[in-house]
PDB file of all heavy atoms in Angstrom:
ATOM      1  N   ALA A   1    -109.055  41.908  -8.695  1.00  0.00           N
ATOM      2  CA  ALA A   1    -109.721  43.182  -8.547  1.00  0.00           C
ATOM      3  C   ALA A   1    -111.187  43.130  -8.881  1.00  0.00           C
ATOM      4  O   ALA A   1    -111.650  42.390  -9.757  1.00  0.00           O
ATOM      5  CB  ALA A   1    -109.068  44.222  -9.574  1.00  0.00           C
ATOM      6  N   SER A   2    -111.983  43.927  -8.092  1.00  0.00           N
ATOM      7  CA  SER A   2    -113.390  44.031  -8.340  1.00  0.00           C
ATOM      8  C   SER A   2    -113.547  44.990  -9.519  1.00  0.00           C
ATOM      9  O   SER A   2    -112.628  45.708  -9.934  1.00  0.00           O
ATOM     10  CB  SER A   2    -114.135  44.622  -7.099  1.00  0.00           C
ATOM     11  OG  SER A   2    -113.577  45.900  -6.795  1.00  0.00           O
ATOM     12  N   SER A   3    -114.769  45.106  -9.993  1.00  0.00           N
ATOM     13  CA  SER A   3    -115.068  46.058 -11.101  1.00  0.00           C
ATOM     14  C   SER A   3    -114.788  47.503 -10.648  1.00  0.00           C
ATOM     15  O   SER A   3    -114.271  48.347 -11.362  1.00  0.00           O
ATOM     16  CB  SER A   3    -116.477  45.892 -11.590  1.00  0.00           C
ATOM     17  OG  SER A   3    -116.682  44.675 -12.174  1.00  0.00           O
ATOM     18  N   GLU A   4    -115.184  47.827  -9.376  1.00  0.00           N
ATOM     19  CA  GLU A   4    -114.958  49.089  -8.845  1.00  0.00           C
ATOM     20  C   GLU A   4    -113.462  49.463  -8.759  1.00  0.00           C
ATOM     21  O   GLU A   4    -113.053  50.579  -9.097  1.00  0.00           O
ATOM     22  CB  GLU A   4    -115.552  49.197  -7.435  1.00  0.00           C
ATOM     23  CG  GLU A   4    -117.098  49.124  -7.395  1.00  0.00           C
ATOM     24  CD  GLU A   4    -117.559  47.643  -7.229  1.00  0.00           C
ATOM     25  OE1 GLU A   4    -116.707  46.684  -7.389  1.00  0.00           O
ATOM     26  OE2 GLU A   4    -118.727  47.431  -6.924  1.00  0.00           O
ATOM     27  N   MET A   5    -112.641  48.476  -8.386  1.00  0.00           N
ATOM     28  CA  MET A   5    -111.190  48.706  -8.232  1.00  0.00           C
ATOM     29  C   MET A   5    -110.642  48.897  -9.634  1.00  0.00           C
ATOM     30  O   MET A   5    -109.811  49.810  -9.821  1.00  0.00           O
ATOM     31  CB  MET A   5    -110.516  47.484  -7.581  1.00  0.00           C
ATOM     32  CG  MET A   5    -109.071  47.709  -7.343  1.00  0.00           C
ATOM     33  SD  MET A   5    -108.215  46.254  -6.624  1.00  0.00           S
ATOM     34  CE  MET A   5    -108.864  46.309  -4.997  1.00  0.00           C
ATOM     35  N   LEU A   6    -110.993  48.052 -10.577  1.00  0.00           N
ATOM     36  CA  LEU A   6    -110.494  48.192 -11.980  1.00  0.00           C
ATOM     37  C   LEU A   6    -110.803  49.621 -12.545  1.00  0.00           C
ATOM     38  O   LEU A   6    -109.930  50.266 -13.069  1.00  0.00           O
ATOM     39  CB  LEU A   6    -111.073  47.160 -12.865  1.00  0.00           C
ATOM     40  CG  LEU A   6    -110.429  45.743 -12.845  1.00  0.00           C
ATOM     41  CD1 LEU A   6    -111.353  44.761 -13.611  1.00  0.00           C
ATOM     42  CD2 LEU A   6    -109.043  45.783 -13.455  1.00  0.00           C
ATOM     43  N   LEU A   7    -112.063  49.994 -12.392  1.00  0.00           N
ATOM     44  CA  LEU A   7    -112.433  51.266 -12.934  1.00  0.00           C
ATOM     45  C   LEU A   7    -111.728  52.454 -12.295  1.00  0.00           C
ATOM     46  O   LEU A   7    -111.254  53.381 -12.893  1.00  0.00           O
ATOM     47  CB  LEU A   7    -113.997  51.425 -12.888  1.00  0.00           C
ATOM     48  CG  LEU A   7    -114.538  52.678 -13.590  1.00  0.00           C
ATOM     49  CD1 LEU A   7    -114.093  52.729 -15.074  1.00  0.00           C
ATOM     50  CD2 LEU A   7    -116.057  52.671 -13.477  1.00  0.00           C
ATOM     51  N   GLY A   8    -111.749  52.396 -10.911  1.00  0.00           N
ATOM     52  CA  GLY A   8    -111.129  53.475 -10.165  1.00  0.00           C
ATOM     53  C   GLY A   8    -109.613  53.629 -10.395  1.00  0.00           C
ATOM     54  O   GLY A   8    -109.160  54.744 -10.655  1.00  0.00           O
ATOM     55  N   VAL A   9    -108.894  52.524 -10.308  1.00  0.00           N
ATOM     56  CA  VAL A   9    -107.436  52.619 -10.447  1.00  0.00           C
ATOM     57  C   VAL A   9    -107.038  52.950 -11.918  1.00  0.00           C
ATOM     58  O   VAL A   9    -106.204  53.773 -12.139  1.00  0.00           O
ATOM     59  CB  VAL A   9    -106.762  51.331 -10.089  1.00  0.00           C
ATOM     60  CG1 VAL A   9    -105.254  51.318 -10.300  1.00  0.00           C
ATOM     61  CG2 VAL A   9    -107.046  51.059  -8.573  1.00  0.00           C
ATOM     62  N   GLU A  10    -107.723  52.385 -12.882  1.00  0.00           N
ATOM     63  CA  GLU A  10    -107.408  52.602 -14.235  1.00  0.00           C
ATOM     64  C   GLU A  10    -107.824  54.008 -14.654  1.00  0.00           C
ATOM     65  O   GLU A  10    -107.160  54.637 -15.459  1.00  0.00           O
ATOM     66  CB  GLU A  10    -108.039  51.553 -15.148  1.00  0.00           C
ATOM     67  CG  GLU A  10    -107.358  50.238 -14.972  1.00  0.00           C
ATOM     68  CD  GLU A  10    -107.900  49.096 -15.924  1.00  0.00           C
ATOM     69  OE1 GLU A  10    -108.982  49.375 -16.550  1.00  0.00           O
ATOM     70  OE2 GLU A  10    -107.286  48.046 -15.974  1.00  0.00           O
ATOM     71  N   LEU A  11    -108.893  54.540 -14.037  1.00  0.00           N
ATOM     72  CA  LEU A  11    -109.309  55.985 -14.323  1.00  0.00           C
ATOM     73  C   LEU A  11    -108.148  56.859 -13.742  1.00  0.00           C
ATOM     74  O   LEU A  11    -107.849  57.877 -14.358  1.00  0.00           O
ATOM     75  CB  LEU A  11    -110.621  56.285 -13.663  1.00  0.00           C
ATOM     76  CG  LEU A  11    -111.073  57.786 -13.732  1.00  0.00           C
ATOM     77  CD1 LEU A  11    -111.183  58.154 -15.284  1.00  0.00           C
ATOM     78  CD2 LEU A  11    -112.410  57.910 -13.074  1.00  0.00           C
ATOM     79  N   HIS A  12    -107.645  56.576 -12.546  1.00  0.00           N
ATOM     80  CA  HIS A  12    -106.588  57.367 -12.033  1.00  0.00           C
ATOM     81  C   HIS A  12    -105.413  57.415 -12.939  1.00  0.00           C
ATOM     82  O   HIS A  12    -104.825  58.497 -13.169  1.00  0.00           O
ATOM     83  CB  HIS A  12    -106.079  56.792 -10.619  1.00  0.00           C
ATOM     84  CG  HIS A  12    -105.000  57.553  -9.958  1.00  0.00           C
ATOM     85  ND1 HIS A  12    -105.311  58.298  -8.857  1.00  0.00           N
ATOM     86  CD2 HIS A  12    -103.728  57.673 -10.182  1.00  0.00           C
ATOM     87  CE1 HIS A  12    -104.203  58.918  -8.493  1.00  0.00           C
ATOM     88  NE2 HIS A  12    -103.191  58.494  -9.264  1.00  0.00           N
ATOM     89  N   ARG A  13    -105.043  56.297 -13.519  1.00  0.00           N
ATOM     90  CA  ARG A  13    -103.932  56.222 -14.444  1.00  0.00           C
ATOM     91  C   ARG A  13    -104.245  57.022 -15.746  1.00  0.00           C
ATOM     92  O   ARG A  13    -103.362  57.689 -16.300  1.00  0.00           O
ATOM     93  CB  ARG A  13    -103.557  54.797 -14.733  1.00  0.00           C
ATOM     94  CG  ARG A  13    -103.014  54.091 -13.502  1.00  0.00           C
ATOM     95  CD  ARG A  13    -102.717  52.631 -13.785  1.00  0.00           C
ATOM     96  NE  ARG A  13    -102.029  51.980 -12.668  1.00  0.00           N
ATOM     97  CZ  ARG A  13    -101.636  50.672 -12.680  1.00  0.00           C
ATOM     98  NH1 ARG A  13    -101.812  49.944 -13.677  1.00  0.00           N
ATOM     99  NH2 ARG A  13    -101.043  50.209 -11.567  1.00  0.00           N
ATOM    100  N   PHE A  14    -105.488  56.874 -16.198  1.00  0.00           N
ATOM    101  CA  PHE A  14    -105.848  57.691 -17.378  1.00  0.00           C
ATOM    102  C   PHE A  14    -105.784  59.127 -17.131  1.00  0.00           C
ATOM    103  O   PHE A  14    -105.236  59.909 -17.988  1.00  0.00           O
ATOM    104  CB  PHE A  14    -107.275  57.299 -17.784  1.00  0.00           C
ATOM    105  CG  PHE A  14    -107.838  58.082 -18.926  1.00  0.00           C
ATOM    106  CD1 PHE A  14    -107.484  57.889 -20.214  1.00  0.00           C
ATOM    107  CD2 PHE A  14    -108.700  59.182 -18.692  1.00  0.00           C
ATOM    108  CE1 PHE A  14    -107.880  58.631 -21.292  1.00  0.00           C
ATOM    109  CE2 PHE A  14    -109.138  59.935 -19.713  1.00  0.00           C
ATOM    110  CZ  PHE A  14    -108.727  59.707 -20.986  1.00  0.00           C
ATOM    111  N   ILE A  15    -106.285  59.591 -15.990  1.00  0.00           N
ATOM    112  CA  ILE A  15    -106.194  61.037 -15.691  1.00  0.00           C
ATOM    113  C   ILE A  15    -104.760  61.525 -15.726  1.00  0.00           C
ATOM    114  O   ILE A  15    -104.423  62.539 -16.290  1.00  0.00           O
ATOM    115  CB  ILE A  15    -106.815  61.318 -14.330  1.00  0.00           C
ATOM    116  CG1 ILE A  15    -108.339  61.122 -14.422  1.00  0.00           C
ATOM    117  CG2 ILE A  15    -106.512  62.706 -13.841  1.00  0.00           C
ATOM    118  CD1 ILE A  15    -109.058  61.041 -13.037  1.00  0.00           C
ATOM    119  N   ASP A  16    -103.878  60.733 -15.082  1.00  0.00           N
ATOM    120  CA  ASP A  16    -102.451  61.135 -15.034  1.00  0.00           C
ATOM    121  C   ASP A  16    -101.807  61.196 -16.380  1.00  0.00           C
ATOM    122  O   ASP A  16    -101.114  62.127 -16.739  1.00  0.00           O
ATOM    123  CB  ASP A  16    -101.675  60.222 -14.040  1.00  0.00           C
ATOM    124  CG  ASP A  16    -101.997  60.431 -12.627  1.00  0.00           C
ATOM    125  OD1 ASP A  16    -102.677  61.443 -12.273  1.00  0.00           O
ATOM    126  OD2 ASP A  16    -101.544  59.634 -11.748  1.00  0.00           O
ATOM    127  N   SER A  17    -102.095  60.132 -17.162  1.00  0.00           N
ATOM    128  CA  SER A  17    -101.364  60.060 -18.464  1.00  0.00           C
ATOM    129  C   SER A  17    -101.955  61.110 -19.463  1.00  0.00           C
ATOM    130  O   SER A  17    -101.240  61.781 -20.192  1.00  0.00           O
ATOM    131  CB  SER A  17    -101.537  58.644 -19.064  1.00  0.00           C
ATOM    132  OG  SER A  17    -102.905  58.327 -19.340  1.00  0.00           O
ATOM    133  N   PHE A  18    -103.263  61.281 -19.428  1.00  0.00           N
ATOM    134  CA  PHE A  18    -103.927  62.288 -20.292  1.00  0.00           C
ATOM    135  C   PHE A  18    -103.385  63.679 -19.981  1.00  0.00           C
ATOM    136  O   PHE A  18    -103.092  64.447 -20.908  1.00  0.00           O
ATOM    137  CB  PHE A  18    -105.453  62.251 -20.155  1.00  0.00           C
ATOM    138  CG  PHE A  18    -106.211  63.196 -21.101  1.00  0.00           C
ATOM    139  CD1 PHE A  18    -106.577  62.708 -22.331  1.00  0.00           C
ATOM    140  CD2 PHE A  18    -106.500  64.483 -20.709  1.00  0.00           C
ATOM    141  CE1 PHE A  18    -107.282  63.557 -23.216  1.00  0.00           C
ATOM    142  CE2 PHE A  18    -107.207  65.332 -21.571  1.00  0.00           C
ATOM    143  CZ  PHE A  18    -107.591  64.834 -22.809  1.00  0.00           C
ATOM    144  N   THR A  19    -103.327  63.921 -18.714  1.00  0.00           N
ATOM    145  CA  THR A  19    -102.804  65.268 -18.244  1.00  0.00           C
ATOM    146  C   THR A  19    -101.295  65.435 -18.682  1.00  0.00           C
ATOM    147  O   THR A  19    -101.003  66.505 -19.250  1.00  0.00           O
ATOM    148  CB  THR A  19    -102.940  65.395 -16.760  1.00  0.00           C
ATOM    149  OG1 THR A  19    -104.321  65.271 -16.362  1.00  0.00           O
ATOM    150  CG2 THR A  19    -102.387  66.766 -16.258  1.00  0.00           C
ATOM    151  N   ASP A  20    -100.458  64.515 -18.379  1.00  0.00           N
ATOM    152  CA  ASP A  20     -99.087  64.619 -18.678  1.00  0.00           C
ATOM    153  C   ASP A  20     -98.751  64.767 -20.185  1.00  0.00           C
ATOM    154  O   ASP A  20     -97.875  65.467 -20.560  1.00  0.00           O
ATOM    155  CB  ASP A  20     -98.268  63.484 -18.110  1.00  0.00           C
ATOM    156  CG  ASP A  20     -98.236  63.478 -16.565  1.00  0.00           C
ATOM    157  OD1 ASP A  20     -98.443  64.542 -15.990  1.00  0.00           O
ATOM    158  OD2 ASP A  20     -97.957  62.435 -15.985  1.00  0.00           O
ATOM    159  N   GLU A  21     -99.564  64.073 -20.961  1.00  0.00           N
ATOM    160  CA  GLU A  21     -99.294  63.995 -22.395  1.00  0.00           C
ATOM    161  C   GLU A  21     -99.972  65.084 -23.217  1.00  0.00           C
ATOM    162  O   GLU A  21     -99.715  65.241 -24.456  1.00  0.00           O
ATOM    163  CB  GLU A  21     -99.748  62.675 -22.985  1.00  0.00           C
ATOM    164  CG  GLU A  21     -98.885  61.484 -22.396  1.00  0.00           C
ATOM    165  CD  GLU A  21     -99.538  60.123 -22.622  1.00  0.00           C
ATOM    166  OE1 GLU A  21    -100.495  60.068 -23.458  1.00  0.00           O
ATOM    167  OE2 GLU A  21     -99.031  59.111 -22.061  1.00  0.00           O
ATOM    168  N   HIS A  22    -100.802  65.853 -22.581  1.00  0.00           N
ATOM    169  CA  HIS A  22    -101.587  66.896 -23.344  1.00  0.00           C
ATOM    170  C   HIS A  22    -100.716  68.071 -23.660  1.00  0.00           C
ATOM    171  O   HIS A  22     -99.908  68.521 -22.786  1.00  0.00           O
ATOM    172  CB  HIS A  22    -102.812  67.351 -22.521  1.00  0.00           C
ATOM    173  CG  HIS A  22    -103.896  67.991 -23.391  1.00  0.00           C
ATOM    174  ND1 HIS A  22    -103.807  69.285 -23.845  1.00  0.00           N
ATOM    175  CD2 HIS A  22    -105.021  67.483 -23.892  1.00  0.00           C
ATOM    176  CE1 HIS A  22    -104.844  69.581 -24.531  1.00  0.00           C
ATOM    177  NE2 HIS A  22    -105.627  68.506 -24.630  1.00  0.00           N
ATOM    178  N   GLU A  23    -100.841  68.601 -24.871  1.00  0.00           N
ATOM    179  CA  GLU A  23    -100.037  69.717 -25.280  1.00  0.00           C
ATOM    180  C   GLU A  23    -100.214  70.983 -24.351  1.00  0.00           C
ATOM    181  O   GLU A  23     -99.243  71.761 -24.198  1.00  0.00           O
ATOM    182  CB  GLU A  23    -100.306  70.135 -26.736  1.00  0.00           C
ATOM    183  CG  GLU A  23     -99.904  69.094 -27.715  1.00  0.00           C
ATOM    184  CD  GLU A  23     -98.330  68.912 -27.581  1.00  0.00           C
ATOM    185  OE1 GLU A  23     -97.587  69.918 -27.475  1.00  0.00           O
ATOM    186  OE2 GLU A  23     -97.887  67.682 -27.590  1.00  0.00           O
ATOM    187  N   LEU A  24    -101.430  71.216 -23.880  1.00  0.00           N
ATOM    188  CA  LEU A  24    -101.666  72.385 -22.986  1.00  0.00           C
ATOM    189  C   LEU A  24    -100.769  72.230 -21.695  1.00  0.00           C
ATOM    190  O   LEU A  24    -100.252  73.185 -21.178  1.00  0.00           O
ATOM    191  CB  LEU A  24    -103.148  72.494 -22.622  1.00  0.00           C
ATOM    192  CG  LEU A  24    -104.012  73.015 -23.742  1.00  0.00           C
ATOM    193  CD1 LEU A  24    -105.522  72.890 -23.338  1.00  0.00           C
ATOM    194  CD2 LEU A  24    -103.675  74.432 -24.120  1.00  0.00           C
ATOM    195  N   THR A  25    -100.708  71.006 -21.187  1.00  0.00           N
ATOM    196  CA  THR A  25     -99.944  70.757 -19.978  1.00  0.00           C
ATOM    197  C   THR A  25     -98.418  70.933 -20.292  1.00  0.00           C
ATOM    198  O   THR A  25     -97.642  71.545 -19.509  1.00  0.00           O
ATOM    199  CB  THR A  25    -100.206  69.353 -19.419  1.00  0.00           C
ATOM    200  OG1 THR A  25    -101.587  69.242 -19.139  1.00  0.00           O
ATOM    201  CG2 THR A  25     -99.349  69.081 -18.117  1.00  0.00           C
ATOM    202  N   LYS A  26     -97.996  70.368 -21.390  1.00  0.00           N
ATOM    203  CA  LYS A  26     -96.619  70.496 -21.728  1.00  0.00           C
ATOM    204  C   LYS A  26     -96.186  71.927 -21.945  1.00  0.00           C
ATOM    205  O   LYS A  26     -95.101  72.385 -21.504  1.00  0.00           O
ATOM    206  CB  LYS A  26     -96.305  69.717 -23.075  1.00  0.00           C
ATOM    207  CG  LYS A  26     -96.433  68.225 -22.897  1.00  0.00           C
ATOM    208  CD  LYS A  26     -96.185  67.514 -24.278  1.00  0.00           C
ATOM    209  CE  LYS A  26     -96.328  66.020 -24.157  1.00  0.00           C
ATOM    210  NZ  LYS A  26     -96.113  65.309 -25.438  1.00  0.00           N
ATOM    211  N   LYS A  27     -97.013  72.708 -22.534  1.00  0.00           N
ATOM    212  CA  LYS A  27     -96.761  74.129 -22.726  1.00  0.00           C
ATOM    213  C   LYS A  27     -96.656  74.913 -21.365  1.00  0.00           C
ATOM    214  O   LYS A  27     -95.777  75.687 -21.160  1.00  0.00           O
ATOM    215  CB  LYS A  27     -97.844  74.762 -23.555  1.00  0.00           C
ATOM    216  CG  LYS A  27     -97.594  76.271 -23.830  1.00  0.00           C
ATOM    217  CD  LYS A  27     -98.757  76.796 -24.691  1.00  0.00           C
ATOM    218  CE  LYS A  27     -98.604  78.357 -24.905  1.00  0.00           C
ATOM    219  NZ  LYS A  27     -99.768  78.885 -25.717  1.00  0.00           N
ATOM    220  N   ALA A  28     -97.652  74.594 -20.516  1.00  0.00           N
ATOM    221  CA  ALA A  28     -97.650  75.265 -19.199  1.00  0.00           C
ATOM    222  C   ALA A  28     -96.419  74.853 -18.357  1.00  0.00           C
ATOM    223  O   ALA A  28     -95.786  75.724 -17.706  1.00  0.00           O
ATOM    224  CB  ALA A  28     -98.915  74.897 -18.484  1.00  0.00           C
ATOM    225  N   LYS A  29     -96.082  73.622 -18.362  1.00  0.00           N
ATOM    226  CA  LYS A  29     -94.911  73.155 -17.610  1.00  0.00           C
ATOM    227  C   LYS A  29     -93.643  73.879 -18.126  1.00  0.00           C
ATOM    228  O   LYS A  29     -92.751  74.244 -17.385  1.00  0.00           O
ATOM    229  CB  LYS A  29     -94.738  71.681 -17.682  1.00  0.00           C
ATOM    230  CG  LYS A  29     -95.748  70.917 -16.853  1.00  0.00           C
ATOM    231  CD  LYS A  29     -95.381  69.453 -16.682  1.00  0.00           C
ATOM    232  CE  LYS A  29     -95.539  68.667 -17.965  1.00  0.00           C
ATOM    233  NZ  LYS A  29     -95.339  67.191 -17.781  1.00  0.00           N
TER     234      LYS A  29
END
């Protein structure tokens, strides 16, 4: 992986995990 790929893909995963695990999201779901 290039630096761009590492940052982009890992940011995608961070967004998904942060969203799913946040209490505001759990409450809304």
